[in-house]
Amino acid sequence: MINILIIALTILVSLVELSVVIWSLKSTRDKFARADNDSDKNRRNN
């Protein structure tokens, strides 16, 4: 019984870690995309 609980907890923790990693990757990609758009605008203005 205790082993099943430990396994369930570890699976939950790993899922949470995966979702956090994926979310941080998405947010950094959005930041890079915004930076690229800003640099493109600056190039067009100059």
N, C-alpha and C. Protein backbone atom coordinates (compact mmCIF):
# COMPACT_ATOMS: atom_id res chain seq x y z
N MET A 1 0.84 -1.21 0.00
CA MET A 1 0.00 0.00 0.00
C MET A 1 0.87 1.25 0.00
N ILE A 2 1.85 1.30 0.89
CA ILE A 2 2.73 2.48 0.96
C ILE A 2 3.50 2.63 -0.35
N ASN A 3 3.95 1.49 -0.93
CA ASN A 3 4.69 1.55 -2.18
C ASN A 3 3.85 2.17 -3.28
N ILE A 4 2.57 1.81 -3.36
CA ILE A 4 1.68 2.36 -4.40
C ILE A 4 1.57 3.87 -4.21
N LEU A 5 1.43 4.31 -2.97
CA LEU A 5 1.33 5.75 -2.70
C LEU A 5 2.60 6.47 -3.14
N ILE A 6 3.76 5.90 -2.82
CA ILE A 6 5.03 6.52 -3.20
C ILE A 6 5.14 6.60 -4.72
N ILE A 7 4.77 5.53 -5.42
CA ILE A 7 4.84 5.53 -6.89
C ILE A 7 3.91 6.59 -7.46
N ALA A 8 2.68 6.68 -6.93
CA ALA A 8 1.72 7.68 -7.40
C ALA A 8 2.27 9.09 -7.17
N LEU A 9 2.88 9.32 -6.01
CA LEU A 9 3.45 10.64 -5.71
C LEU A 9 4.57 10.98 -6.68
N THR A 10 5.46 10.03 -6.93
CA THR A 10 6.57 10.31 -7.84
C THR A 10 6.06 10.60 -9.25
N ILE A 11 5.03 9.85 -9.69
CA ILE A 11 4.47 10.11 -11.02
C ILE A 11 3.87 11.51 -11.07
N LEU A 12 3.13 11.89 -10.03
CA LEU A 12 2.54 13.23 -9.99
C LEU A 12 3.63 14.29 -10.03
N VAL A 13 4.67 14.13 -9.23
CA VAL A 13 5.75 15.12 -9.19
C VAL A 13 6.43 15.23 -10.55
N SER A 14 6.69 14.09 -11.19
CA SER A 14 7.35 14.14 -12.50
C SER A 14 6.45 14.81 -13.53
N LEU A 15 5.15 14.57 -13.48
CA LEU A 15 4.23 15.24 -14.41
C LEU A 15 4.25 16.74 -14.19
N VAL A 16 4.24 17.17 -12.93
CA VAL A 16 4.27 18.60 -12.62
C VAL A 16 5.58 19.20 -13.14
N GLU A 17 6.70 18.52 -12.92
CA GLU A 17 7.98 19.03 -13.40
C GLU A 17 7.97 19.14 -14.92
N LEU A 18 7.42 18.13 -15.60
CA LEU A 18 7.34 18.18 -17.06
C LEU A 18 6.53 19.37 -17.53
N SER A 19 5.38 19.59 -16.91
CA SER A 19 4.53 20.70 -17.32
C SER A 19 5.23 22.04 -17.07
N VAL A 20 5.95 22.14 -15.95
CA VAL A 20 6.68 23.37 -15.66
C VAL A 20 7.76 23.61 -16.70
N VAL A 21 8.49 22.56 -17.06
CA VAL A 21 9.55 22.70 -18.06
C VAL A 21 8.96 23.12 -19.40
N ILE A 22 7.87 22.45 -19.81
CA ILE A 22 7.24 22.79 -21.09
C ILE A 22 6.75 24.23 -21.06
N TRP A 23 6.13 24.66 -19.94
CA TRP A 23 5.61 26.02 -19.84
C TRP A 23 6.75 27.03 -19.91
N SER A 24 7.85 26.77 -19.23
CA SER A 24 8.98 27.70 -19.26
C SER A 24 9.58 27.77 -20.67
N LEU A 25 9.66 26.61 -21.35
CA LEU A 25 10.15 26.62 -22.74
C LEU A 25 9.25 27.48 -23.62
N LYS A 26 7.93 27.33 -23.48
CA LYS A 26 6.99 28.11 -24.28
C LYS A 26 7.16 29.59 -23.99
N SER A 27 7.26 29.97 -22.70
CA SER A 27 7.35 31.39 -22.36
C SER A 27 8.66 31.98 -22.88
N THR A 28 9.77 31.24 -22.80
CA THR A 28 11.04 31.77 -23.31
C THR A 28 10.96 31.90 -24.83
N ARG A 29 10.30 30.95 -25.50
CA ARG A 29 10.15 31.03 -26.95
C ARG A 29 9.34 32.27 -27.31
N ASP A 30 8.28 32.55 -26.55
CA ASP A 30 7.47 33.75 -26.80
C ASP A 30 8.33 35.00 -26.61
N LYS A 31 9.16 35.02 -25.58
CA LYS A 31 10.02 36.18 -25.35
C LYS A 31 10.98 36.37 -26.53
N PHE A 32 11.57 35.28 -27.00
CA PHE A 32 12.48 35.38 -28.14
C PHE A 32 11.72 35.88 -29.37
N ALA A 33 10.52 35.37 -29.59
CA ALA A 33 9.73 35.80 -30.74
C ALA A 33 9.43 37.29 -30.64
N ARG A 34 9.07 37.77 -29.44
CA ARG A 34 8.80 39.20 -29.28
C ARG A 34 10.07 40.00 -29.55
N ALA A 35 11.19 39.54 -29.06
CA ALA A 35 12.45 40.26 -29.30
C ALA A 35 12.75 40.31 -30.79
N ASP A 36 12.55 39.21 -31.50
CA ASP A 36 12.77 39.20 -32.95
C ASP A 36 11.85 40.20 -33.63
N ASN A 37 10.58 40.24 -33.24
CA ASN A 37 9.64 41.18 -33.84
C ASN A 37 10.08 42.62 -33.57
N ASP A 38 10.54 42.88 -32.36
CA ASP A 38 10.99 44.23 -32.03
C ASP A 38 12.19 44.61 -32.89
N SER A 39 13.14 43.71 -33.05
CA SER A 39 14.32 44.02 -33.86
C SER A 39 13.93 44.24 -35.32
N ASP A 40 12.95 43.47 -35.81
CA ASP A 40 12.47 43.68 -37.18
C ASP A 40 11.86 45.07 -37.32
N LYS A 41 11.06 45.48 -36.35
CA LYS A 41 10.46 46.81 -36.40
C LYS A 41 11.56 47.88 -36.40
N ASN A 42 12.56 47.69 -35.56
CA ASN A 42 13.65 48.67 -35.51
C ASN A 42 14.37 48.75 -36.86
N ARG A 43 14.60 47.60 -37.49
CA ARG A 43 15.25 47.59 -38.80
C ARG A 43 14.40 48.35 -39.82
N ARG A 44 13.08 48.12 -39.79
CA ARG A 44 12.21 48.79 -40.75
C ARG A 44 12.20 50.29 -40.51
N ASN A 45 12.20 50.69 -39.24
CA ASN A 45 12.18 52.12 -38.93
C ASN A 45 13.49 52.79 -39.37
N ASN A 46 14.58 52.08 -39.21
CA ASN A 46 15.87 52.66 -39.61
C ASN A 46 16.02 52.51 -41.11
